[in-house]
Amino acid sequence: MVDNVTARVRVPREASAGEVVSIRTLINHPMESGQRRDDAGEIIPRSIIHRFTCDFNGTNVIDVTLEPSISTNPYLQFEAVVQESGTFQFTWYDDDGSVYEESADIAVS
């Protein structure tokens, strides 16, 4: 597991039923390629976020496969239609087996 990984999400607090909302996510992660060496000459193990998912009230909204060329601290922005109040669940999957999660609620009127 990579130290100091922080996931941040931005979801509107409120929306109207049927409204398209913009969702932004950022995860602070070094995205190590596995090709660099440390000061002792040892290869630094690969550690890349390779998958991102977002579910709303248990239903998948987006499922993205990220390739090794993705930048450090990957930022993703996408849109979703909300019909009811609920919770967005965000999940990032690391090559080293680590899973990072964050959630955000939205109220629909």
PDB file of N, CA and C in Angstrom:
ATOM      1  N   MET A   1       0.845  -1.180   0.000  1.00  0.00           N
ATOM      2  CA  MET A   1       0.000   0.000   0.000  1.00  0.00           C
ATOM      3  C   MET A   1       0.885   1.237   0.000  1.00  0.00           C
ATOM      4  N   VAL A   2       0.539   2.191  -0.814  1.00  0.00           N
ATOM      5  CA  VAL A   2       1.274   3.442  -0.920  1.00  0.00           C
ATOM      6  C   VAL A   2       0.881   4.345   0.241  1.00  0.00           C
ATOM      7  N   ASP A   3       1.870   5.000   0.848  1.00  0.00           N
ATOM      8  CA  ASP A   3       1.598   5.924   1.956  1.00  0.00           C
ATOM      9  C   ASP A   3       1.018   7.234   1.447  1.00  0.00           C
ATOM     10  N   ASN A   4       0.227   7.874   2.284  1.00  0.00           N
ATOM     11  CA  ASN A   4      -0.315   9.213   2.042  1.00  0.00           C
ATOM     12  C   ASN A   4      -1.166   9.330   0.778  1.00  0.00           C
ATOM     13  N   VAL A   5      -1.916   8.303   0.453  1.00  0.00           N
ATOM     14  CA  VAL A   5      -2.847   8.381  -0.675  1.00  0.00           C
ATOM     15  C   VAL A   5      -4.131   9.019  -0.166  1.00  0.00           C
ATOM     16  N   THR A   6      -4.564  10.069  -0.844  1.00  0.00           N
ATOM     17  CA  THR A   6      -5.770  10.785  -0.452  1.00  0.00           C
ATOM     18  C   THR A   6      -6.706  10.882  -1.644  1.00  0.00           C
ATOM     19  N   ALA A   7      -7.924  10.410  -1.461  1.00  0.00           N
ATOM     20  CA  ALA A   7      -8.944  10.502  -2.510  1.00  0.00           C
ATOM     21  C   ALA A   7      -9.856  11.677  -2.203  1.00  0.00           C
ATOM     22  N   ARG A   8     -10.132  12.472  -3.229  1.00  0.00           N
ATOM     23  CA  ARG A   8     -11.047  13.602  -3.070  1.00  0.00           C
ATOM     24  C   ARG A   8     -12.117  13.532  -4.153  1.00  0.00           C
ATOM     25  N   VAL A   9     -13.339  13.843  -3.760  1.00  0.00           N
ATOM     26  CA  VAL A   9     -14.448  13.853  -4.709  1.00  0.00           C
ATOM     27  C   VAL A   9     -15.254  15.128  -4.530  1.00  0.00           C
ATOM     28  N   ARG A  10     -15.848  15.563  -5.612  1.00  0.00           N
ATOM     29  CA  ARG A  10     -16.731  16.721  -5.557  1.00  0.00           C
ATOM     30  C   ARG A  10     -18.024  16.366  -6.264  1.00  0.00           C
ATOM     31  N   VAL A  11     -19.094  16.314  -5.468  1.00  0.00           N
ATOM     32  CA  VAL A  11     -20.440  15.997  -5.940  1.00  0.00           C
ATOM     33  C   VAL A  11     -21.354  17.107  -5.428  1.00  0.00           C
ATOM     34  N   PRO A  12     -22.278  17.617  -6.257  1.00  0.00           N
ATOM     35  CA  PRO A  12     -23.210  18.625  -5.743  1.00  0.00           C
ATOM     36  C   PRO A  12     -23.990  18.078  -4.550  1.00  0.00           C
ATOM     37  N   ARG A  13     -24.298  18.929  -3.588  1.00  0.00           N
ATOM     38  CA  ARG A  13     -25.066  18.493  -2.410  1.00  0.00           C
ATOM     39  C   ARG A  13     -26.524  18.265  -2.739  1.00  0.00           C
ATOM     40  N   GLU A  14     -27.034  19.039  -3.709  1.00  0.00           N
ATOM     41  CA  GLU A  14     -28.450  18.949  -4.080  1.00  0.00           C
ATOM     42  C   GLU A  14     -28.599  18.955  -5.593  1.00  0.00           C
ATOM     43  N   ALA A  15     -29.694  18.371  -6.062  1.00  0.00           N
ATOM     44  CA  ALA A  15     -30.030  18.361  -7.480  1.00  0.00           C
ATOM     45  C   ALA A  15     -31.528  18.143  -7.620  1.00  0.00           C
ATOM     46  N   SER A  16     -32.040  18.443  -8.794  1.00  0.00           N
ATOM     47  CA  SER A  16     -33.441  18.156  -9.106  1.00  0.00           C
ATOM     48  C   SER A  16     -33.523  16.769  -9.728  1.00  0.00           C
ATOM     49  N   ALA A  17     -34.652  16.116  -9.586  1.00  0.00           N
ATOM     50  CA  ALA A  17     -34.840  14.784 -10.172  1.00  0.00           C
ATOM     51  C   ALA A  17     -34.637  14.852 -11.678  1.00  0.00           C
ATOM     52  N   GLY A  18     -33.811  13.958 -12.206  1.00  0.00           N
ATOM     53  CA  GLY A  18     -33.525  13.932 -13.639  1.00  0.00           C
ATOM     54  C   GLY A  18     -32.412  14.860 -14.076  1.00  0.00           C
ATOM     55  N   GLU A  19     -31.842  15.603 -13.166  1.00  0.00           N
ATOM     56  CA  GLU A  19     -30.777  16.552 -13.510  1.00  0.00           C
ATOM     57  C   GLU A  19     -29.466  15.821 -13.783  1.00  0.00           C
ATOM     58  N   VAL A  20     -28.700  16.353 -14.728  1.00  0.00           N
ATOM     59  CA  VAL A  20     -27.364  15.845 -15.012  1.00  0.00           C
ATOM     60  C   VAL A  20     -26.395  16.607 -14.113  1.00  0.00           C
ATOM     61  N   VAL A  21     -25.642  15.869 -13.293  1.00  0.00           N
ATOM     62  CA  VAL A  21     -24.691  16.507 -12.390  1.00  0.00           C
ATOM     63  C   VAL A  21     -23.269  16.159 -12.817  1.00  0.00           C
ATOM     64  N   SER A  22     -22.364  17.089 -12.593  1.00  0.00           N
ATOM     65  CA  SER A  22     -20.958  16.887 -12.898  1.00  0.00           C
ATOM     66  C   SER A  22     -20.248  16.403 -11.637  1.00  0.00           C
ATOM     67  N   ILE A  23     -19.456  15.352 -11.785  1.00  0.00           N
ATOM     68  CA  ILE A  23     -18.737  14.753 -10.667  1.00  0.00           C
ATOM     69  C   ILE A  23     -17.247  14.809 -10.981  1.00  0.00           C
ATOM     70  N   ARG A  24     -16.465  15.243  -9.994  1.00  0.00           N
ATOM     71  CA  ARG A  24     -15.015  15.331 -10.177  1.00  0.00           C
ATOM     72  C   ARG A  24     -14.313  14.518  -9.095  1.00  0.00           C
ATOM     73  N   THR A  25     -13.280  13.795  -9.504  1.00  0.00           N
ATOM     74  CA  THR A  25     -12.510  13.006  -8.548  1.00  0.00           C
ATOM     75  C   THR A  25     -11.020  13.232  -8.780  1.00  0.00           C
ATOM     76  N   LEU A  26     -10.272  13.146  -7.698  1.00  0.00           N
ATOM     77  CA  LEU A  26      -8.819  13.253  -7.755  1.00  0.00           C
ATOM     78  C   LEU A  26      -8.261  12.346  -6.671  1.00  0.00           C
ATOM     79  N   ILE A  27      -7.262  11.571  -7.008  1.00  0.00           N
ATOM     80  CA  ILE A  27      -6.598  10.758  -5.992  1.00  0.00           C
ATOM     81  C   ILE A  27      -5.111  11.091  -6.030  1.00  0.00           C
ATOM     82  N   ASN A  28      -4.583  11.489  -4.882  1.00  0.00           N
ATOM     83  CA  ASN A  28      -3.155  11.769  -4.771  1.00  0.00           C
ATOM     84  C   ASN A  28      -2.436  10.428  -4.687  1.00  0.00           C
ATOM     85  N   HIS A  29      -1.721  10.085  -5.744  1.00  0.00           N
ATOM     86  CA  HIS A  29      -1.054   8.789  -5.838  1.00  0.00           C
ATOM     87  C   HIS A  29       0.165   8.953  -6.747  1.00  0.00           C
ATOM     88  N   PRO A  30       1.331   8.428  -6.357  1.00  0.00           N
ATOM     89  CA  PRO A  30       2.539   8.654  -7.142  1.00  0.00           C
ATOM     90  C   PRO A  30       2.603   7.925  -8.479  1.00  0.00           C
ATOM     91  N   MET A  31       1.815   6.852  -8.660  1.00  0.00           N
ATOM     92  CA  MET A  31       1.782   6.107  -9.924  1.00  0.00           C
ATOM     93  C   MET A  31       3.188   5.676 -10.347  1.00  0.00           C
ATOM     94  N   GLU A  32       3.798   4.812  -9.579  1.00  0.00           N
ATOM     95  CA  GLU A  32       5.148   4.321  -9.854  1.00  0.00           C
ATOM     96  C   GLU A  32       5.117   3.263 -10.954  1.00  0.00           C
ATOM     97  N   SER A  33       5.932   3.433 -11.996  1.00  0.00           N
ATOM     98  CA  SER A  33       5.902   2.572 -13.181  1.00  0.00           C
ATOM     99  C   SER A  33       6.576   1.212 -12.997  1.00  0.00           C
ATOM    100  N   GLY A  34       7.432   1.084 -12.002  1.00  0.00           N
ATOM    101  CA  GLY A  34       8.174  -0.158 -11.816  1.00  0.00           C
ATOM    102  C   GLY A  34       9.447  -0.207 -12.641  1.00  0.00           C
ATOM    103  N   GLN A  35       9.802   0.905 -13.274  1.00  0.00           N
ATOM    104  CA  GLN A  35      11.004   0.953 -14.108  1.00  0.00           C
ATOM    105  C   GLN A  35      12.105   1.819 -13.511  1.00  0.00           C
ATOM    106  N   ARG A  36      11.793   2.553 -12.457  1.00  0.00           N
ATOM    107  CA  ARG A  36      12.803   3.415 -11.830  1.00  0.00           C
ATOM    108  C   ARG A  36      13.510   2.667 -10.707  1.00  0.00           C
ATOM    109  N   ARG A  37      14.657   3.194 -10.318  1.00  0.00           N
ATOM    110  CA  ARG A  37      15.431   2.622  -9.210  1.00  0.00           C
ATOM    111  C   ARG A  37      15.552   3.639  -8.089  1.00  0.00           C
ATOM    112  N   ASP A  38      15.638   3.123  -6.859  1.00  0.00           N
ATOM    113  CA  ASP A  38      15.829   4.002  -5.707  1.00  0.00           C
ATOM    114  C   ASP A  38      17.314   4.324  -5.542  1.00  0.00           C
ATOM    115  N   ASP A  39      17.664   5.046  -4.473  1.00  0.00           N
ATOM    116  CA  ASP A  39      19.051   5.465  -4.239  1.00  0.00           C
ATOM    117  C   ASP A  39      20.000   4.284  -4.062  1.00  0.00           C
ATOM    118  N   ALA A  40      19.487   3.137  -3.623  1.00  0.00           N
ATOM    119  CA  ALA A  40      20.316   1.939  -3.420  1.00  0.00           C
ATOM    120  C   ALA A  40      20.421   1.101  -4.696  1.00  0.00           C
ATOM    121  N   GLY A  41      19.779   1.540  -5.766  1.00  0.00           N
ATOM    122  CA  GLY A  41      19.826   0.811  -7.029  1.00  0.00           C
ATOM    123  C   GLY A  41      18.768  -0.260  -7.181  1.00  0.00           C
ATOM    124  N   GLU A  42      17.898  -0.392  -6.201  1.00  0.00           N
ATOM    125  CA  GLU A  42      16.821  -1.386  -6.256  1.00  0.00           C
ATOM    126  C   GLU A  42      15.643  -0.842  -7.064  1.00  0.00           C
ATOM    127  N   ILE A  43      15.003  -1.718  -7.808  1.00  0.00           N
ATOM    128  CA  ILE A  43      13.836  -1.302  -8.588  1.00  0.00           C
ATOM    129  C   ILE A  43      12.687  -0.974  -7.638  1.00  0.00           C
ATOM    130  N   ILE A  44      12.064   0.168  -7.865  1.00  0.00           N
ATOM    131  CA  ILE A  44      10.890   0.566  -7.084  1.00  0.00           C
ATOM    132  C   ILE A  44       9.704  -0.211  -7.645  1.00  0.00           C
ATOM    133  N   PRO A  45       8.992  -0.960  -6.806  1.00  0.00           N
ATOM    134  CA  PRO A  45       7.877  -1.782  -7.306  1.00  0.00           C
ATOM    135  C   PRO A  45       6.787  -0.947  -7.993  1.00  0.00           C
ATOM    136  N   ARG A  46       6.215  -1.542  -9.029  1.00  0.00           N
ATOM    137  CA  ARG A  46       5.131  -0.885  -9.751  1.00  0.00           C
ATOM    138  C   ARG A  46       3.934  -0.704  -8.826  1.00  0.00           C
ATOM    139  N   SER A  47       3.332   0.472  -8.888  1.00  0.00           N
ATOM    140  CA  SER A  47       2.137   0.784  -8.110  1.00  0.00           C
ATOM    141  C   SER A  47       1.337   1.817  -8.895  1.00  0.00           C
ATOM    142  N   ILE A  48       0.347   1.324  -9.622  1.00  0.00           N
ATOM    143  CA  ILE A  48      -0.448   2.176 -10.516  1.00  0.00           C
ATOM    144  C   ILE A  48      -1.929   1.924 -10.244  1.00  0.00           C
ATOM    145  N   ILE A  49      -2.689   3.007 -10.187  1.00  0.00           N
ATOM    146  CA  ILE A  49      -4.146   2.872 -10.140  1.00  0.00           C
ATOM    147  C   ILE A  49      -4.569   2.363 -11.514  1.00  0.00           C
ATOM    148  N   HIS A  50      -5.111   1.147 -11.569  1.00  0.00           N
ATOM    149  CA  HIS A  50      -5.451   0.560 -12.867  1.00  0.00           C
ATOM    150  C   HIS A  50      -6.951   0.508 -13.143  1.00  0.00           C
ATOM    151  N   ARG A  51      -7.768   0.811 -12.128  1.00  0.00           N
ATOM    152  CA  ARG A  51      -9.221   0.771 -12.346  1.00  0.00           C
ATOM    153  C   ARG A  51      -9.901   1.754 -11.403  1.00  0.00           C
ATOM    154  N   PHE A  52     -10.958   2.384 -11.910  1.00  0.00           N
ATOM    155  CA  PHE A  52     -11.783   3.294 -11.118  1.00  0.00           C
ATOM    156  C   PHE A  52     -13.235   2.945 -11.373  1.00  0.00           C
ATOM    157  N   THR A  53     -14.033   2.870 -10.294  1.00  0.00           N
ATOM    158  CA  THR A  53     -15.468   2.646 -10.449  1.00  0.00           C
ATOM    159  C   THR A  53     -16.238   3.654  -9.608  1.00  0.00           C
ATOM    160  N   CYS A  54     -17.459   3.926 -10.045  1.00  0.00           N
ATOM    161  CA  CYS A  54     -18.380   4.760  -9.286  1.00  0.00           C
ATOM    162  C   CYS A  54     -19.747   4.106  -9.362  1.00  0.00           C
ATOM    163  N   ASP A  55     -20.346   3.908  -8.191  1.00  0.00           N
ATOM    164  CA  ASP A  55     -21.699   3.359  -8.098  1.00  0.00           C
ATOM    165  C   ASP A  55     -22.597   4.379  -7.412  1.00  0.00           C
ATOM    166  N   PHE A  56     -23.861   4.385  -7.800  1.00  0.00           N
ATOM    167  CA  PHE A  56     -24.849   5.246  -7.150  1.00  0.00           C
ATOM    168  C   PHE A  56     -25.959   4.353  -6.632  1.00  0.00           C
ATOM    169  N   ASN A  57     -26.132   4.336  -5.315  1.00  0.00           N
ATOM    170  CA  ASN A  57     -27.130   3.479  -4.672  1.00  0.00           C
ATOM    171  C   ASN A  57     -27.025   2.034  -5.147  1.00  0.00           C
ATOM    172  N   GLY A  58     -25.785   1.557  -5.310  1.00  0.00           N
ATOM    173  CA  GLY A  58     -25.551   0.177  -5.689  1.00  0.00           C
ATOM    174  C   GLY A  58     -25.568  -0.110  -7.176  1.00  0.00           C
ATOM    175  N   THR A  59     -25.870   0.896  -8.004  1.00  0.00           N
ATOM    176  CA  THR A  59     -25.890   0.723  -9.452  1.00  0.00           C
ATOM    177  C   THR A  59     -24.659   1.369 -10.050  1.00  0.00           C
ATOM    178  N   ASN A  60     -23.961   0.636 -10.915  1.00  0.00           N
ATOM    179  CA  ASN A  60     -22.740   1.163 -11.514  1.00  0.00           C
ATOM    180  C   ASN A  60     -23.034   2.350 -12.424  1.00  0.00           C
ATOM    181  N   VAL A  61     -22.251   3.418 -12.244  1.00  0.00           N
ATOM    182  CA  VAL A  61     -22.359   4.620 -13.072  1.00  0.00           C
ATOM    183  C   VAL A  61     -21.245   4.638 -14.107  1.00  0.00           C
ATOM    184  N   ILE A  62     -20.022   4.292 -13.659  1.00  0.00           N
ATOM    185  CA  ILE A  62     -18.863   4.308 -14.547  1.00  0.00           C
ATOM    186  C   ILE A  62     -17.853   3.276 -14.044  1.00  0.00           C
ATOM    187  N   ASP A  63     -17.177   2.631 -14.985  1.00  0.00           N
ATOM    188  CA  ASP A  63     -16.134   1.658 -14.673  1.00  0.00           C
ATOM    189  C   ASP A  63     -15.025   1.886 -15.699  1.00  0.00           C
ATOM    190  N   VAL A  64     -13.885   2.398 -15.244  1.00  0.00           N
ATOM    191  CA  VAL A  64     -12.812   2.825 -16.136  1.00  0.00           C
ATOM    192  C   VAL A  64     -11.569   1.983 -15.890  1.00  0.00           C
ATOM    193  N   THR A  65     -10.969   1.483 -16.973  1.00  0.00           N
ATOM    194  CA  THR A  65      -9.673   0.822 -16.893  1.00  0.00           C
ATOM    195  C   THR A  65      -8.618   1.857 -17.261  1.00  0.00           C
ATOM    196  N   LEU A  66      -7.665   2.079 -16.353  1.00  0.00           N
ATOM    197  CA  LEU A  66      -6.609   3.054 -16.581  1.00  0.00           C
ATOM    198  C   LEU A  66      -5.346   2.321 -17.023  1.00  0.00           C
ATOM    199  N   GLU A  67      -4.672   2.852 -17.988  1.00  0.00           N
ATOM    200  CA  GLU A  67      -3.458   2.241 -18.537  1.00  0.00           C
ATOM    201  C   GLU A  67      -2.217   2.809 -17.846  1.00  0.00           C
ATOM    202  N   PRO A  68      -1.070   2.133 -17.960  1.00  0.00           N
ATOM    203  CA  PRO A  68       0.146   2.570 -17.263  1.00  0.00           C
ATOM    204  C   PRO A  68       0.598   3.992 -17.586  1.00  0.00           C
ATOM    205  N   SER A  69       0.178   4.551 -18.684  1.00  0.00           N
ATOM    206  CA  SER A  69       0.617   5.909 -19.034  1.00  0.00           C
ATOM    207  C   SER A  69      -0.177   7.002 -18.320  1.00  0.00           C
ATOM    208  N   ILE A  70      -1.128   6.626 -17.465  1.00  0.00           N
ATOM    209  CA  ILE A  70      -1.909   7.621 -16.736  1.00  0.00           C
ATOM    210  C   ILE A  70      -0.986   8.435 -15.839  1.00  0.00           C
ATOM    211  N   SER A  71      -1.287   9.691 -15.673  1.00  0.00           N
ATOM    212  CA  SER A  71      -0.401  10.583 -14.917  1.00  0.00           C
ATOM    213  C   SER A  71      -0.492  10.365 -13.409  1.00  0.00           C
ATOM    214  N   THR A  72       0.483  10.919 -12.716  1.00  0.00           N
ATOM    215  CA  THR A  72       0.452  10.965 -11.259  1.00  0.00           C
ATOM    216  C   THR A  72      -0.786  11.738 -10.836  1.00  0.00           C
ATOM    217  N   ASN A  73      -1.392  11.363  -9.727  1.00  0.00           N
ATOM    218  CA  ASN A  73      -2.578  12.038  -9.186  1.00  0.00           C
ATOM    219  C   ASN A  73      -3.711  12.117 -10.215  1.00  0.00           C
ATOM    220  N   PRO A  74      -4.216  10.978 -10.664  1.00  0.00           N
ATOM    221  CA  PRO A  74      -5.232  10.992 -11.720  1.00  0.00           C
ATOM    222  C   PRO A  74      -6.514  11.739 -11.330  1.00  0.00           C
ATOM    223  N   TYR A  75      -6.946  12.582 -12.261  1.00  0.00           N
ATOM    224  CA  TYR A  75      -8.162  13.385 -12.122  1.00  0.00           C
ATOM    225  C   TYR A  75      -9.159  12.872 -13.142  1.00  0.00           C
ATOM    226  N   LEU A  76     -10.382  12.613 -12.694  1.00  0.00           N
ATOM    227  CA  LEU A  76     -11.452  12.174 -13.589  1.00  0.00           C
ATOM    228  C   LEU A  76     -12.677  13.046 -13.372  1.00  0.00           C
ATOM    229  N   GLN A  77     -13.320  13.431 -14.460  1.00  0.00           N
ATOM    230  CA  GLN A  77     -14.565  14.188 -14.391  1.00  0.00           C
ATOM    231  C   GLN A  77     -15.556  13.508 -15.323  1.00  0.00           C
ATOM    232  N   PHE A  78     -16.792  13.336 -14.830  1.00  0.00           N
ATOM    233  CA  PHE A  78     -17.834  12.709 -15.635  1.00  0.00           C
ATOM    234  C   PHE A  78     -19.184  13.222 -15.162  1.00  0.00           C
ATOM    235  N   GLU A  79     -20.229  12.878 -15.913  1.00  0.00           N
ATOM    236  CA  GLU A  79     -21.579  13.322 -15.582  1.00  0.00           C
ATOM    237  C   GLU A  79     -22.464  12.116 -15.278  1.00  0.00           C
ATOM    238  N   ALA A  80     -23.461  12.356 -14.442  1.00  0.00           N
ATOM    239  CA  ALA A  80     -24.433  11.315 -14.102  1.00  0.00           C
ATOM    240  C   ALA A  80     -25.810  11.958 -13.954  1.00  0.00           C
ATOM    241  N   VAL A  81     -26.831  11.197 -14.277  1.00  0.00           N
ATOM    242  CA  VAL A  81     -28.211  11.648 -14.084  1.00  0.00           C
ATOM    243  C   VAL A  81     -28.696  11.075 -12.756  1.00  0.00           C
ATOM    244  N   VAL A  82     -29.246  11.945 -11.914  1.00  0.00           N
ATOM    245  CA  VAL A  82     -29.754  11.483 -10.616  1.00  0.00           C
ATOM    246  C   VAL A  82     -31.278  11.597 -10.596  1.00  0.00           C
ATOM    247  N   GLN A  83     -31.931  10.521 -10.195  1.00  0.00           N
ATOM    248  CA  GLN A  83     -33.393  10.496 -10.112  1.00  0.00           C
ATOM    249  C   GLN A  83     -33.869  10.535  -8.667  1.00  0.00           C
ATOM    250  N   GLU A  84     -32.978  10.183  -7.735  1.00  0.00           N
ATOM    251  CA  GLU A  84     -33.358  10.084  -6.325  1.00  0.00           C
ATOM    252  C   GLU A  84     -32.162  10.433  -5.449  1.00  0.00           C
ATOM    253  N   SER A  85     -32.438  10.744  -4.204  1.00  0.00           N
ATOM    254  CA  SER A  85     -31.363  10.995  -3.249  1.00  0.00           C
ATOM    255  C   SER A  85     -30.591   9.710  -3.022  1.00  0.00           C
ATOM    256  N   GLY A  86     -29.313   9.852  -2.711  1.00  0.00           N
ATOM    257  CA  GLY A  86     -28.525   8.656  -2.469  1.00  0.00           C
ATOM    258  C   GLY A  86     -27.066   8.947  -2.248  1.00  0.00           C
ATOM    259  N   THR A  87     -26.278   7.888  -2.397  1.00  0.00           N
ATOM    260  CA  THR A  87     -24.845   7.953  -2.134  1.00  0.00           C
ATOM    261  C   THR A  87     -24.056   7.459  -3.332  1.00  0.00           C
ATOM    262  N   PHE A  88     -23.080   8.256  -3.739  1.00  0.00           N
ATOM    263  CA  PHE A  88     -22.110   7.826  -4.738  1.00  0.00           C
ATOM    264  C   PHE A  88     -20.964   7.149  -3.997  1.00  0.00           C
ATOM    265  N   GLN A  89     -20.572   5.970  -4.467  1.00  0.00           N
ATOM    266  CA  GLN A  89     -19.449   5.240  -3.883  1.00  0.00           C
ATOM    267  C   GLN A  89     -18.340   5.173  -4.929  1.00  0.00           C
ATOM    268  N   PHE A  90     -17.172   5.718  -4.600  1.00  0.00           N
ATOM    269  CA  PHE A  90     -16.042   5.773  -5.514  1.00  0.00           C
ATOM    270  C   PHE A  90     -14.978   4.786  -5.051  1.00  0.00           C
ATOM    271  N   THR A  91     -14.391   4.032  -6.000  1.00  0.00           N
ATOM    272  CA  THR A  91     -13.379   3.040  -5.653  1.00  0.00           C
ATOM    273  C   THR A  91     -12.252   3.083  -6.671  1.00  0.00           C
ATOM    274  N   TRP A  92     -11.017   3.159  -6.152  1.00  0.00           N
ATOM    275  CA  TRP A  92      -9.812   3.111  -6.965  1.00  0.00           C
ATOM    276  C   TRP A  92      -9.062   1.830  -6.620  1.00  0.00           C
ATOM    277  N   TYR A  93      -8.581   1.100  -7.641  1.00  0.00           N
ATOM    278  CA  TYR A  93      -7.881  -0.161  -7.452  1.00  0.00           C
ATOM    279  C   TYR A  93      -6.420  -0.002  -7.876  1.00  0.00           C
ATOM    280  N   ASP A  94      -5.502  -0.369  -6.979  1.00  0.00           N
ATOM    281  CA  ASP A  94      -4.070  -0.255  -7.208  1.00  0.00           C
ATOM    282  C   ASP A  94      -3.507  -1.606  -7.635  1.00  0.00           C
ATOM    283  N   ASP A  95      -2.462  -1.595  -8.462  1.00  0.00           N
ATOM    284  CA  ASP A  95      -1.787  -2.822  -8.874  1.00  0.00           C
ATOM    285  C   ASP A  95      -1.287  -3.650  -7.698  1.00  0.00           C
ATOM    286  N   ASP A  96      -0.938  -2.993  -6.599  1.00  0.00           N
ATOM    287  CA  ASP A  96      -0.385  -3.727  -5.457  1.00  0.00           C
ATOM    288  C   ASP A  96      -1.470  -4.387  -4.598  1.00  0.00           C
ATOM    289  N   GLY A  97      -2.723  -4.313  -5.041  1.00  0.00           N
ATOM    290  CA  GLY A  97      -3.827  -4.934  -4.326  1.00  0.00           C
ATOM    291  C   GLY A  97      -4.590  -3.990  -3.414  1.00  0.00           C
ATOM    292  N   SER A  98      -4.075  -2.791  -3.224  1.00  0.00           N
ATOM    293  CA  SER A  98      -4.748  -1.813  -2.375  1.00  0.00           C
ATOM    294  C   SER A  98      -6.023  -1.303  -3.048  1.00  0.00           C
ATOM    295  N   VAL A  99      -7.005  -0.989  -2.219  1.00  0.00           N
ATOM    296  CA  VAL A  99      -8.267  -0.423  -2.698  1.00  0.00           C
ATOM    297  C   VAL A  99      -8.530   0.836  -1.877  1.00  0.00           C
ATOM    298  N   TYR A 100      -8.814   1.930  -2.557  1.00  0.00           N
ATOM    299  CA  TYR A 100      -9.093   3.202  -1.901  1.00  0.00           C
ATOM    300  C   TYR A 100     -10.544   3.567  -2.191  1.00  0.00           C
ATOM    301  N   GLU A 101     -11.273   3.964  -1.147  1.00  0.00           N
ATOM    302  CA  GLU A 101     -12.699   4.258  -1.305  1.00  0.00           C
ATOM    303  C   GLU A 101     -13.051   5.615  -0.715  1.00  0.00           C
ATOM    304  N   GLU A 102     -14.061   6.211  -1.306  1.00  0.00           N
ATOM    305  CA  GLU A 102     -14.612   7.477  -0.822  1.00  0.00           C
ATOM    306  C   GLU A 102     -16.088   7.467  -1.206  1.00  0.00           C
ATOM    307  N   SER A 103     -16.894   8.236  -0.495  1.00  0.00           N
ATOM    308  CA  SER A 103     -18.319   8.319  -0.829  1.00  0.00           C
ATOM    309  C   SER A 103     -18.803   9.747  -0.660  1.00  0.00           C
ATOM    310  N   ALA A 104     -19.919  10.042  -1.311  1.00  0.00           N
ATOM    311  CA  ALA A 104     -20.521  11.369  -1.211  1.00  0.00           C
ATOM    312  C   ALA A 104     -22.027  11.235  -1.400  1.00  0.00           C
ATOM    313  N   ASP A 105     -22.772  11.979  -0.596  1.00  0.00           N
ATOM    314  CA  ASP A 105     -24.237  11.958  -0.653  1.00  0.00           C
ATOM    315  C   ASP A 105     -24.755  13.112  -1.512  1.00  0.00           C
ATOM    316  N   ILE A 106     -25.930  12.893  -2.106  1.00  0.00           N
ATOM    317  CA  ILE A 106     -26.611  13.939  -2.852  1.00  0.00           C
ATOM    318  C   ILE A 106     -28.101  13.866  -2.500  1.00  0.00           C
ATOM    319  N   ALA A 107     -28.692  15.030  -2.299  1.00  0.00           N
ATOM    320  CA  ALA A 107     -30.124  15.114  -1.993  1.00  0.00           C
ATOM    321  C   ALA A 107     -30.863  15.572  -3.258  1.00  0.00           C
ATOM    322  N   VAL A 108     -31.892  14.821  -3.647  1.00  0.00           N
ATOM    323  CA  VAL A 108     -32.669  15.142  -4.853  1.00  0.00           C
ATOM    324  C   VAL A 108     -34.050  15.593  -4.417  1.00  0.00           C
ATOM    325  N   SER A 109     -34.464  16.740  -4.981  1.00  0.00           N
ATOM    326  CA  SER A 109     -35.791  17.282  -4.645  1.00  0.00           C
ATOM    327  C   SER A 109     -36.741  17.165  -5.822  1.00  0.00           C
TER     328      SER A 109
END
